[in-house]
Amino acid sequence: LLKFDTIKGWNLYEVGYLYAISMMVLSLYRTLCNEIHAFEKYTVQGEF
């Protein structure tokens, strides 16, 4: 964005807002629900 100023009319701060919200919700999901995210181990190893 520093090179091209905007992406389809969205500047660095506006894209930064989108990025920040997306990363925050992904991090909360991985923090609180990691066993869902890593559910494969339950079906592979029979832990379920």
All heavy atoms as atom14 arrays in JSON, in Angstrom:
{
  "sequence": "LLKFDTIKGWNLYEVGYLYAISMMVLSLYRTLCNEIHAFEKYTVQGEF",
  "atom14_mask": [
    [1, 1, 1, 1, 1, 1, 1, 1, 0, 0, 0, 0, 0, 0],
    [1, 1, 1, 1, 1, 1, 1, 1, 0, 0, 0, 0, 0, 0],
    [1, 1, 1, 1, 1, 1, 1, 1, 1, 0, 0, 0, 0, 0],
    [1, 1, 1, 1, 1, 1, 1, 1, 1, 1, 1, 0, 0, 0],
    [1, 1, 1, 1, 1, 1, 1, 1, 0, 0, 0, 0, 0, 0],
    [1, 1, 1, 1, 1, 1, 1, 0, 0, 0, 0, 0, 0, 0],
    [1, 1, 1, 1, 1, 1, 1, 1, 0, 0, 0, 0, 0, 0],
    [1, 1, 1, 1, 1, 1, 1, 1, 1, 0, 0, 0, 0, 0],
    [1, 1, 1, 1, 0, 0, 0, 0, 0, 0, 0, 0, 0, 0],
    [1, 1, 1, 1, 1, 1, 1, 1, 1, 1, 1, 1, 1, 1],
    [1, 1, 1, 1, 1, 1, 1, 1, 0, 0, 0, 0, 0, 0],
    [1, 1, 1, 1, 1, 1, 1, 1, 0, 0, 0, 0, 0, 0],
    [1, 1, 1, 1, 1, 1, 1, 1, 1, 1, 1, 1, 0, 0],
    [1, 1, 1, 1, 1, 1, 1, 1, 1, 0, 0, 0, 0, 0],
    [1, 1, 1, 1, 1, 1, 1, 0, 0, 0, 0, 0, 0, 0],
    [1, 1, 1, 1, 0, 0, 0, 0, 0, 0, 0, 0, 0, 0],
    [1, 1, 1, 1, 1, 1, 1, 1, 1, 1, 1, 1, 0, 0],
    [1, 1, 1, 1, 1, 1, 1, 1, 0, 0, 0, 0, 0, 0],
    [1, 1, 1, 1, 1, 1, 1, 1, 1, 1, 1, 1, 0, 0],
    [1, 1, 1, 1, 1, 0, 0, 0, 0, 0, 0, 0, 0, 0],
    [1, 1, 1, 1, 1, 1, 1, 1, 0, 0, 0, 0, 0, 0],
    [1, 1, 1, 1, 1, 1, 0, 0, 0, 0, 0, 0, 0, 0],
    [1, 1, 1, 1, 1, 1, 1, 1, 0, 0, 0, 0, 0, 0],
    [1, 1, 1, 1, 1, 1, 1, 1, 0, 0, 0, 0, 0, 0],
    [1, 1, 1, 1, 1, 1, 1, 0, 0, 0, 0, 0, 0, 0],
    [1, 1, 1, 1, 1, 1, 1, 1, 0, 0, 0, 0, 0, 0],
    [1, 1, 1, 1, 1, 1, 0, 0, 0, 0, 0, 0, 0, 0],
    [1, 1, 1, 1, 1, 1, 1, 1, 0, 0, 0, 0, 0, 0],
    [1, 1, 1, 1, 1, 1, 1, 1, 1, 1, 1, 1, 0, 0],
    [1, 1, 1, 1, 1, 1, 1, 1, 1, 1, 1, 0, 0, 0],
    [1, 1, 1, 1, 1, 1, 1, 0, 0, 0, 0, 0, 0, 0],
    [1, 1, 1, 1, 1, 1, 1, 1, 0, 0, 0, 0, 0, 0],
    [1, 1, 1, 1, 1, 1, 0, 0, 0, 0, 0, 0, 0, 0],
    [1, 1, 1, 1, 1, 1, 1, 1, 0, 0, 0, 0, 0, 0],
    [1, 1, 1, 1, 1, 1, 1, 1, 1, 0, 0, 0, 0, 0],
    [1, 1, 1, 1, 1, 1, 1, 1, 0, 0, 0, 0, 0, 0],
    [1, 1, 1, 1, 1, 1, 1, 1, 1, 1, 0, 0, 0, 0],
    [1, 1, 1, 1, 1, 0, 0, 0, 0, 0, 0, 0, 0, 0],
    [1, 1, 1, 1, 1, 1, 1, 1, 1, 1, 1, 0, 0, 0],
    [1, 1, 1, 1, 1, 1, 1, 1, 1, 0, 0, 0, 0, 0],
    [1, 1, 1, 1, 1, 1, 1, 1, 1, 0, 0, 0, 0, 0],
    [1, 1, 1, 1, 1, 1, 1, 1, 1, 1, 1, 1, 0, 0],
    [1, 1, 1, 1, 1, 1, 1, 0, 0, 0, 0, 0, 0, 0],
    [1, 1, 1, 1, 1, 1, 1, 0, 0, 0, 0, 0, 0, 0],
    [1, 1, 1, 1, 1, 1, 1, 1, 1, 0, 0, 0, 0, 0],
    [1, 1, 1, 1, 0, 0, 0, 0, 0, 0, 0, 0, 0, 0],
    [1, 1, 1, 1, 1, 1, 1, 1, 1, 0, 0, 0, 0, 0],
    [1, 1, 1, 1, 1, 1, 1, 1, 1, 1, 1, 0, 0, 0]
  ],
  "atom14_positions": [
    [[0.81, -1.21, 0.0], [0.0, 0.0, 0.0], [0.85, 1.27, 0.0], [0.44, 2.29, -0.55], [-0.94, -0.01, 1.2], [-2.14, -0.95, 1.04], [-2.85, -1.19, 2.36], [-3.12, -0.39, 0.03], [0.0, 0.0, 0.0], [0.0, 0.0, 0.0], [0.0, 0.0, 0.0], [0.0, 0.0, 0.0], [0.0, 0.0, 0.0], [0.0, 0.0, 0.0]],
    [[2.02, 1.22, 0.6], [2.91, 2.37, 0.56], [3.42, 2.61, -0.85], [3.74, 3.74, -1.22], [4.07, 2.17, 1.53], [3.73, 2.27, 3.02], [4.93, 1.88, 3.87], [3.25, 3.67, 3.38], [0.0, 0.0, 0.0], [0.0, 0.0, 0.0], [0.0, 0.0, 0.0], [0.0, 0.0, 0.0], [0.0, 0.0, 0.0], [0.0, 0.0, 0.0]],
    [[3.47, 1.56, -1.64], [3.91, 1.67, -3.03], [2.81, 2.19, -3.94], [3.03, 3.03, -4.8], [4.42, 0.3, -3.51], [4.85, 0.27, -4.98], [6.11, 1.09, -5.22], [6.59, 0.94, -6.65], [7.8, 1.75, -6.91], [0.0, 0.0, 0.0], [0.0, 0.0, 0.0], [0.0, 0.0, 0.0], [0.0, 0.0, 0.0], [0.0, 0.0, 0.0]],
    [[1.59, 1.68, -3.72], [0.49, 2.01, -4.63], [-0.56, 2.93, -4.01], [-1.57, 3.25, -4.65], [-0.19, 0.72, -5.1], [0.72, -0.18, -5.89], [1.31, -1.29, -5.31], [1.02, 0.12, -7.21], [2.15, -2.12, -6.04], [1.86, -0.7, -7.95], [2.43, -1.81, -7.37], [0.0, 0.0, 0.0], [0.0, 0.0, 0.0], [0.0, 0.0, 0.0]],
    [[-0.37, 3.34, -2.76], [-1.25, 4.26, -2.03], [-2.58, 3.64, -1.65], [-2.98, 3.68, -0.49], [-1.49, 5.55, -2.84], [-0.22, 6.36, -3.0], [0.63, 6.29, -2.09], [-0.07, 7.02, -4.03], [0.0, 0.0, 0.0], [0.0, 0.0, 0.0], [0.0, 0.0, 0.0], [0.0, 0.0, 0.0], [0.0, 0.0, 0.0], [0.0, 0.0, 0.0]],
    [[-3.32, 3.1, -2.62], [-4.63, 2.52, -2.32], [-4.81, 1.22, -3.1], [-4.14, 0.98, -4.09], [-5.78, 3.48, -2.7], [-5.77, 3.68, -4.11], [-5.67, 4.8, -1.97], [0.0, 0.0, 0.0], [0.0, 0.0, 0.0], [0.0, 0.0, 0.0], [0.0, 0.0, 0.0], [0.0, 0.0, 0.0], [0.0, 0.0, 0.0], [0.0, 0.0, 0.0]],
    [[-5.74, 0.4, -2.6], [-6.19, -0.78, -3.33], [-7.67, -0.6, -3.59], [-8.49, -0.67, -2.68], [-5.96, -2.08, -2.52], [-4.47, -2.32, -2.27], [-6.57, -3.27, -3.24], [-4.19, -3.57, -1.47], [0.0, 0.0, 0.0], [0.0, 0.0, 0.0], [0.0, 0.0, 0.0], [0.0, 0.0, 0.0], [0.0, 0.0, 0.0], [0.0, 0.0, 0.0]],
    [[-8.02, -0.32, -4.86], [-9.42, -0.1, -5.24], [-10.09, 0.93, -4.34], [-11.23, 0.78, -3.91], [-10.19, -1.42, -5.15], [-9.79, -2.46, -6.2], [-10.37, -2.13, -7.56], [-10.14, -3.27, -8.53], [-10.75, -3.02, -9.85], [0.0, 0.0, 0.0], [0.0, 0.0, 0.0], [0.0, 0.0, 0.0], [0.0, 0.0, 0.0], [0.0, 0.0, 0.0]],
    [[-9.35, 2.01, -4.01], [-9.92, 3.08, -3.21], [-9.79, 2.91, -1.7], [-10.23, 3.78, -0.95], [0.0, 0.0, 0.0], [0.0, 0.0, 0.0], [0.0, 0.0, 0.0], [0.0, 0.0, 0.0], [0.0, 0.0, 0.0], [0.0, 0.0, 0.0], [0.0, 0.0, 0.0], [0.0, 0.0, 0.0], [0.0, 0.0, 0.0], [0.0, 0.0, 0.0]],
    [[-9.17, 1.84, -1.25], [-8.97, 1.61, 0.19], [-7.51, 1.89, 0.53], [-6.6, 1.3, -0.05], [-9.31, 0.16, 0.55], [-10.78, -0.13, 0.47], [-11.55, -0.11, -0.65], [-11.63, -0.51, 1.54], [-12.84, -0.44, -0.34], [-12.93, -0.69, 0.99], [-11.44, -0.72, 2.91], [-14.02, -1.07, 1.77], [-12.54, -1.11, 3.68], [-13.8, -1.27, 3.12]],
    [[-7.3, 2.79, 1.5], [-5.94, 3.14, 1.88], [-5.38, 2.21, 2.95], [-6.05, 1.28, 3.4], [-5.86, 4.61, 2.31], [-6.66, 4.89, 3.57], [-6.79, 4.04, 4.45], [-7.22, 6.09, 3.67], [0.0, 0.0, 0.0], [0.0, 0.0, 0.0], [0.0, 0.0, 0.0], [0.0, 0.0, 0.0], [0.0, 0.0, 0.0], [0.0, 0.0, 0.0]],
    [[-4.15, 2.49, 3.38], [-3.46, 1.62, 4.32], [-4.23, 1.47, 5.63], [-4.35, 0.36, 6.16], [-2.06, 2.19, 4.61], [-1.25, 1.5, 5.71], [-1.0, 0.04, 5.36], [0.07, 2.22, 5.93], [0.0, 0.0, 0.0], [0.0, 0.0, 0.0], [0.0, 0.0, 0.0], [0.0, 0.0, 0.0], [0.0, 0.0, 0.0], [0.0, 0.0, 0.0]],
    [[-4.78, 2.56, 6.16], [-5.46, 2.49, 7.45], [-6.77, 1.72, 7.36], [-7.14, 0.99, 8.3], [-5.72, 3.9, 7.98], [-4.44, 4.69, 8.21], [-4.22, 5.91, 7.56], [-3.45, 4.22, 9.06], [-3.06, 6.62, 7.76], [-2.28, 4.92, 9.26], [-2.09, 6.13, 8.61], [-0.93, 6.83, 8.8], [0.0, 0.0, 0.0], [0.0, 0.0, 0.0]],
    [[-7.47, 1.85, 6.26], [-8.72, 1.12, 6.08], [-8.46, -0.38, 5.93], [-9.17, -1.2, 6.52], [-9.48, 1.67, 4.87], [-9.99, 3.08, 5.09], [-10.41, 3.78, 3.81], [-9.93, 3.36, 2.72], [-11.19, 4.74, 3.88], [0.0, 0.0, 0.0], [0.0, 0.0, 0.0], [0.0, 0.0, 0.0], [0.0, 0.0, 0.0], [0.0, 0.0, 0.0]],
    [[-7.45, -0.73, 5.15], [-7.07, -2.13, 5.02], [-6.52, -2.65, 6.35], [-6.76, -3.81, 6.73], [-6.05, -2.33, 3.9], [-5.56, -3.78, 3.85], [-6.66, -1.96, 2.55], [0.0, 0.0, 0.0], [0.0, 0.0, 0.0], [0.0, 0.0, 0.0], [0.0, 0.0, 0.0], [0.0, 0.0, 0.0], [0.0, 0.0, 0.0], [0.0, 0.0, 0.0]],
    [[-5.81, -1.79, 7.08], [-5.31, -2.17, 8.39], [-6.43, -2.52, 9.34], [-6.31, -3.45, 10.16], [0.0, 0.0, 0.0], [0.0, 0.0, 0.0], [0.0, 0.0, 0.0], [0.0, 0.0, 0.0], [0.0, 0.0, 0.0], [0.0, 0.0, 0.0], [0.0, 0.0, 0.0], [0.0, 0.0, 0.0], [0.0, 0.0, 0.0], [0.0, 0.0, 0.0]],
    [[-7.56, -1.81, 9.23], [-8.73, -2.12, 10.06], [-9.25, -3.51, 9.73], [-9.52, -4.32, 10.63], [-9.82, -1.07, 9.83], [-11.13, -1.41, 10.49], [-11.36, -1.09, 11.82], [-12.15, -2.04, 9.79], [-12.56, -1.4, 12.44], [-13.35, -2.36, 10.39], [-13.56, -2.03, 11.72], [-14.75, -2.35, 12.32], [0.0, 0.0, 0.0], [0.0, 0.0, 0.0]],
    [[-9.38, -3.82, 8.43], [-9.85, -5.15, 8.03], [-8.9, -6.23, 8.53], [-9.33, -7.26, 9.06], [-9.96, -5.23, 6.5], [-10.9, -4.26, 5.8], [-10.86, -4.5, 4.29], [-12.33, -4.4, 6.32], [0.0, 0.0, 0.0], [0.0, 0.0, 0.0], [0.0, 0.0, 0.0], [0.0, 0.0, 0.0], [0.0, 0.0, 0.0], [0.0, 0.0, 0.0]],
    [[-7.6, -5.98, 8.37], [-6.6, -6.95, 8.78], [-6.66, -7.18, 10.3], [-6.63, -8.33, 10.76], [-5.2, -6.46, 8.39], [-4.08, -7.26, 9.0], [-3.62, -8.42, 8.39], [-3.5, -6.87, 10.21], [-2.6, -9.16, 8.97], [-2.49, -7.6, 10.79], [-2.04, -8.75, 10.17], [-1.03, -9.49, 10.76], [0.0, 0.0, 0.0], [0.0, 0.0, 0.0]],
    [[-6.75, -6.1, 11.06], [-6.73, -6.21, 12.52], [-7.91, -7.03, 13.03], [-7.74, -7.93, 13.87], [-6.74, -4.82, 13.15], [0.0, 0.0, 0.0], [0.0, 0.0, 0.0], [0.0, 0.0, 0.0], [0.0, 0.0, 0.0], [0.0, 0.0, 0.0], [0.0, 0.0, 0.0], [0.0, 0.0, 0.0], [0.0, 0.0, 0.0], [0.0, 0.0, 0.0]],
    [[-9.12, -6.74, 12.53], [-10.29, -7.47, 12.97], [-10.16, -8.95, 12.61], [-10.45, -9.84, 13.43], [-11.58, -6.88, 12.35], [-11.78, -5.44, 12.81], [-12.78, -7.74, 12.73], [-12.01, -5.28, 14.29], [0.0, 0.0, 0.0], [0.0, 0.0, 0.0], [0.0, 0.0, 0.0], [0.0, 0.0, 0.0], [0.0, 0.0, 0.0], [0.0, 0.0, 0.0]],
    [[-9.71, -9.23, 11.39], [-9.57, -10.62, 10.95], [-8.58, -11.39, 11.81], [-8.82, -12.54, 12.2], [-9.13, -10.66, 9.48], [-10.1, -10.09, 8.63], [0.0, 0.0, 0.0], [0.0, 0.0, 0.0], [0.0, 0.0, 0.0], [0.0, 0.0, 0.0], [0.0, 0.0, 0.0], [0.0, 0.0, 0.0], [0.0, 0.0, 0.0], [0.0, 0.0, 0.0]],
    [[-7.44, -10.78, 12.11], [-6.44, -11.45, 12.93], [-6.9, -11.63, 14.38], [-6.6, -12.64, 15.02], [-5.12, -10.67, 12.9], [-4.41, -10.71, 11.55], [-4.05, -12.39, 10.98], [-5.36, -12.6, 9.72], [0.0, 0.0, 0.0], [0.0, 0.0, 0.0], [0.0, 0.0, 0.0], [0.0, 0.0, 0.0], [0.0, 0.0, 0.0], [0.0, 0.0, 0.0]],
    [[-7.63, -10.66, 14.89], [-8.12, -10.76, 16.27], [-9.1, -11.91, 16.43], [-9.02, -12.68, 17.39], [-8.74, -9.43, 16.69], [-7.72, -8.31, 16.89], [-8.47, -6.67, 17.03], [-9.2, -6.79, 18.67], [0.0, 0.0, 0.0], [0.0, 0.0, 0.0], [0.0, 0.0, 0.0], [0.0, 0.0, 0.0], [0.0, 0.0, 0.0], [0.0, 0.0, 0.0]],
    [[-10.03, -12.04, 15.49], [-11.03, -13.11, 15.62], [-10.4, -14.48, 15.38], [-10.78, -15.47, 16.04], [-12.23, -12.88, 14.68], [-12.92, -11.56, 15.03], [-11.85, -12.9, 13.22], [0.0, 0.0, 0.0], [0.0, 0.0, 0.0], [0.0, 0.0, 0.0], [0.0, 0.0, 0.0], [0.0, 0.0, 0.0], [0.0, 0.0, 0.0], [0.0, 0.0, 0.0]],
    [[-9.43, -14.56, 14.46], [-8.74, -15.83, 14.24], [-7.96, -16.22, 15.48], [-7.96, -17.4, 15.89], [-7.81, -15.72, 13.04], [-6.96, -16.98, 12.75], [-7.85, -18.17, 12.42], [-5.99, -16.72, 11.6], [0.0, 0.0, 0.0], [0.0, 0.0, 0.0], [0.0, 0.0, 0.0], [0.0, 0.0, 0.0], [0.0, 0.0, 0.0], [0.0, 0.0, 0.0]],
    [[-7.29, -15.26, 16.11], [-6.51, -15.56, 17.32], [-7.4, -15.99, 18.47], [-7.04, -16.91, 19.23], [-5.69, -14.33, 17.72], [-4.72, -14.02, 16.73], [0.0, 0.0, 0.0], [0.0, 0.0, 0.0], [0.0, 0.0, 0.0], [0.0, 0.0, 0.0], [0.0, 0.0, 0.0], [0.0, 0.0, 0.0], [0.0, 0.0, 0.0], [0.0, 0.0, 0.0]],
    [[-8.56, -15.35, 18.62], [-9.49, -15.76, 19.67], [-9.97, -17.19, 19.43], [-10.09, -17.99, 20.37], [-10.68, -14.8, 19.73], [-10.49, -13.52, 20.52], [-11.78, -12.7, 20.51], [-10.09, -13.82, 21.97], [0.0, 0.0, 0.0], [0.0, 0.0, 0.0], [0.0, 0.0, 0.0], [0.0, 0.0, 0.0], [0.0, 0.0, 0.0], [0.0, 0.0, 0.0]],
    [[-10.28, -17.49, 18.19], [-10.73, -18.85, 17.85], [-9.64, -19.86, 18.18], [-9.91, -20.9, 18.81], [-11.09, -18.9, 16.37], [-11.15, -20.3, 15.8], [-12.16, -21.19, 16.18], [-10.18, -20.73, 14.88], [-12.19, -22.48, 15.67], [-10.22, -22.02, 14.36], [-11.23, -22.89, 14.75], [-11.27, -24.16, 14.25], [0.0, 0.0, 0.0], [0.0, 0.0, 0.0]],
    [[-8.4, -19.58, 17.78], [-7.31, -20.52, 18.05], [-7.03, -20.62, 19.55], [-6.62, -21.69, 20.03], [-6.04, -20.1, 17.3], [-6.09, -20.22, 15.8], [-6.23, -21.66, 15.33], [-5.28, -22.56, 15.95], [-4.02, -22.72, 15.52], [-3.59, -22.05, 14.45], [-3.22, -23.55, 16.12], [0.0, 0.0, 0.0], [0.0, 0.0, 0.0], [0.0, 0.0, 0.0]],
    [[-7.24, -19.54, 20.29], [-6.99, -19.56, 21.73], [-8.05, -20.38, 22.47], [-7.74, -21.23, 23.31], [-6.96, -18.14, 22.29], [-5.91, -17.4, 21.67], [-6.72, -18.15, 23.8], [0.0, 0.0, 0.0], [0.0, 0.0, 0.0], [0.0, 0.0, 0.0], [0.0, 0.0, 0.0], [0.0, 0.0, 0.0], [0.0, 0.0, 0.0], [0.0, 0.0, 0.0]],
    [[-9.31, -20.13, 22.16], [-10.42, -20.71, 22.91], [-10.89, -22.05, 22.35], [-11.46, -22.85, 23.09], [-11.6, -19.74, 22.95], [-11.33, -18.37, 23.59], [-12.54, -17.46, 23.44], [-10.95, -18.52, 25.06], [0.0, 0.0, 0.0], [0.0, 0.0, 0.0], [0.0, 0.0, 0.0], [0.0, 0.0, 0.0], [0.0, 0.0, 0.0], [0.0, 0.0, 0.0]],
    [[-10.69, -22.28, 21.07], [-11.28, -23.47, 20.43], [-10.23, -24.29, 19.69], [-10.53, -24.87, 18.63], [-12.37, -23.04, 19.45], [-13.58, -21.89, 20.13], [0.0, 0.0, 0.0], [0.0, 0.0, 0.0], [0.0, 0.0, 0.0], [0.0, 0.0, 0.0], [0.0, 0.0, 0.0], [0.0, 0.0, 0.0], [0.0, 0.0, 0.0], [0.0, 0.0, 0.0]],
    [[-9.04, -24.38, 20.22], [-7.97, -25.05, 19.48], [-8.22, -26.54, 19.33], [-7.76, -27.16, 18.37], [-6.62, -24.83, 20.17], [-5.47, -25.28, 19.3], [-5.24, -24.75, 18.22], [-4.75, -26.31, 19.73], [0.0, 0.0, 0.0], [0.0, 0.0, 0.0], [0.0, 0.0, 0.0], [0.0, 0.0, 0.0], [0.0, 0.0, 0.0], [0.0, 0.0, 0.0]],
    [[-8.95, -27.15, 20.27], [-9.23, -28.58, 20.15], [-10.17, -28.86, 18.98], [-10.11, -29.93, 18.37], [-9.82, -29.11, 21.45], [-8.89, -29.01, 22.65], [-7.57, -29.73, 22.42], [-7.58, -30.95, 22.2], [-6.51, -29.06, 22.45], [0.0, 0.0, 0.0], [0.0, 0.0, 0.0], [0.0, 0.0, 0.0], [0.0, 0.0, 0.0], [0.0, 0.0, 0.0]],
    [[-11.02, -27.9, 18.66], [-11.85, -28.02, 17.46], [-10.96, -27.91, 16.23], [-11.09, -28.67, 15.27], [-12.93, -26.92, 17.43], [-13.88, -27.08, 18.62], [-13.7, -26.94, 16.12], [-14.71, -28.32, 18.6], [0.0, 0.0, 0.0], [0.0, 0.0, 0.0], [0.0, 0.0, 0.0], [0.0, 0.0, 0.0], [0.0, 0.0, 0.0], [0.0, 0.0, 0.0]],
    [[-10.05, -26.95, 16.27], [-9.14, -26.74, 15.14], [-8.25, -27.96, 14.9], [-7.95, -28.29, 13.75], [-8.28, -25.5, 15.41], [-7.49, -25.05, 14.24], [-8.04, -24.41, 13.16], [-6.15, -25.16, 13.96], [-7.11, -24.12, 12.28], [-5.96, -24.57, 12.73], [0.0, 0.0, 0.0], [0.0, 0.0, 0.0], [0.0, 0.0, 0.0], [0.0, 0.0, 0.0]],
    [[-7.86, -28.62, 15.97], [-6.96, -29.78, 15.87], [-7.73, -31.08, 16.06], [-7.19, -32.07, 16.57], [-5.85, -29.66, 16.93], [0.0, 0.0, 0.0], [0.0, 0.0, 0.0], [0.0, 0.0, 0.0], [0.0, 0.0, 0.0], [0.0, 0.0, 0.0], [0.0, 0.0, 0.0], [0.0, 0.0, 0.0], [0.0, 0.0, 0.0], [0.0, 0.0, 0.0]],
    [[-8.97, -31.11, 15.61], [-9.85, -32.25, 15.87], [-9.35, -33.53, 15.22], [-9.71, -34.63, 15.64], [-11.27, -31.92, 15.38], [-12.29, -32.97, 15.74], [-12.64, -33.18, 17.05], [-12.88, -33.74, 14.75], [-13.57, -34.15, 17.39], [-13.81, -34.71, 15.07], [-14.16, -34.91, 16.4], [0.0, 0.0, 0.0], [0.0, 0.0, 0.0], [0.0, 0.0, 0.0]],
    [[-8.52, -33.42, 14.21], [-8.04, -34.6, 13.49], [-7.42, -35.62, 14.43], [-7.58, -36.84, 14.24], [-7.03, -34.16, 12.43], [-6.38, -35.3, 11.67], [-5.39, -34.81, 10.63], [-5.81, -34.1, 9.69], [-4.19, -35.14, 10.75], [0.0, 0.0, 0.0], [0.0, 0.0, 0.0], [0.0, 0.0, 0.0], [0.0, 0.0, 0.0], [0.0, 0.0, 0.0]],
    [[-6.72, -35.17, 15.46], [-6.04, -36.11, 16.35], [-7.04, -37.0, 17.08], [-6.72, -38.15, 17.44], [-5.16, -35.37, 17.35], [-5.92, -34.53, 18.37], [-4.98, -33.8, 19.31], [-5.75, -32.96, 20.35], [-4.84, -32.23, 21.24], [0.0, 0.0, 0.0], [0.0, 0.0, 0.0], [0.0, 0.0, 0.0], [0.0, 0.0, 0.0], [0.0, 0.0, 0.0]],
    [[-8.26, -36.49, 17.29], [-9.27, -37.29, 18.0], [-9.8, -38.43, 17.14], [-10.1, -39.51, 17.65], [-10.42, -36.39, 18.44], [-10.04, -35.46, 19.56], [-9.57, -34.17, 19.28], [-10.13, -35.85, 20.89], [-9.2, -33.32, 20.29], [-9.76, -34.99, 21.91], [-9.3, -33.73, 21.61], [-8.93, -32.88, 22.62], [0.0, 0.0, 0.0], [0.0, 0.0, 0.0]],
    [[-9.92, -38.19, 15.85], [-10.42, -39.25, 14.97], [-9.31, -40.19, 14.52], [-9.55, -41.37, 14.28], [-11.1, -38.64, 13.72], [-10.23, -37.69, 13.11], [-12.38, -37.93, 14.12], [0.0, 0.0, 0.0], [0.0, 0.0, 0.0], [0.0, 0.0, 0.0], [0.0, 0.0, 0.0], [0.0, 0.0, 0.0], [0.0, 0.0, 0.0], [0.0, 0.0, 0.0]],
    [[-8.09, -39.69, 14.4], [-6.97, -40.53, 13.97], [-6.53, -41.46, 15.1], [-6.31, -42.66, 14.9], [-5.78, -39.67, 13.5], [-4.55, -40.54, 13.27], [-6.14, -38.93, 12.22], [0.0, 0.0, 0.0], [0.0, 0.0, 0.0], [0.0, 0.0, 0.0], [0.0, 0.0, 0.0], [0.0, 0.0, 0.0], [0.0, 0.0, 0.0], [0.0, 0.0, 0.0]],
    [[-6.42, -40.91, 16.32], [-5.9, -41.67, 17.46], [-7.0, -42.33, 18.29], [-6.7, -43.04, 19.26], [-5.06, -40.75, 18.35], [-3.88, -40.13, 17.61], [-3.15, -39.09, 18.44], [-3.37, -38.98, 19.65], [-2.28, -38.34, 17.79], [0.0, 0.0, 0.0], [0.0, 0.0, 0.0], [0.0, 0.0, 0.0], [0.0, 0.0, 0.0], [0.0, 0.0, 0.0]],
    [[-8.25, -42.1, 17.95], [-9.33, -42.73, 18.68], [-9.7, -42.05, 19.98], [-10.47, -42.6, 20.78], [0.0, 0.0, 0.0], [0.0, 0.0, 0.0], [0.0, 0.0, 0.0], [0.0, 0.0, 0.0], [0.0, 0.0, 0.0], [0.0, 0.0, 0.0], [0.0, 0.0, 0.0], [0.0, 0.0, 0.0], [0.0, 0.0, 0.0], [0.0, 0.0, 0.0]],
    [[-9.16, -40.84, 20.22], [-9.45, -40.15, 21.48], [-10.91, -39.71, 21.58], [-11.43, -39.49, 22.67], [-8.54, -38.93, 21.63], [-7.08, -39.28, 21.8], [-6.22, -38.04, 22.01], [-6.75, -37.05, 22.53], [-5.04, -38.06, 21.64], [0.0, 0.0, 0.0], [0.0, 0.0, 0.0], [0.0, 0.0, 0.0], [0.0, 0.0, 0.0], [0.0, 0.0, 0.0]],
    [[-11.57, -39.56, 20.42], [-12.96, -39.13, 20.47], [-13.84, -40.18, 21.13], [-14.88, -39.86, 21.72], [-13.47, -38.82, 19.06], [-14.77, -38.07, 19.05], [-14.86, -36.78, 19.56], [-15.93, -38.66, 18.55], [-16.06, -36.1, 19.56], [-17.14, -37.98, 18.54], [-17.2, -36.69, 19.06], [0.0, 0.0, 0.0], [0.0, 0.0, 0.0], [0.0, 0.0, 0.0]]
  ]
}
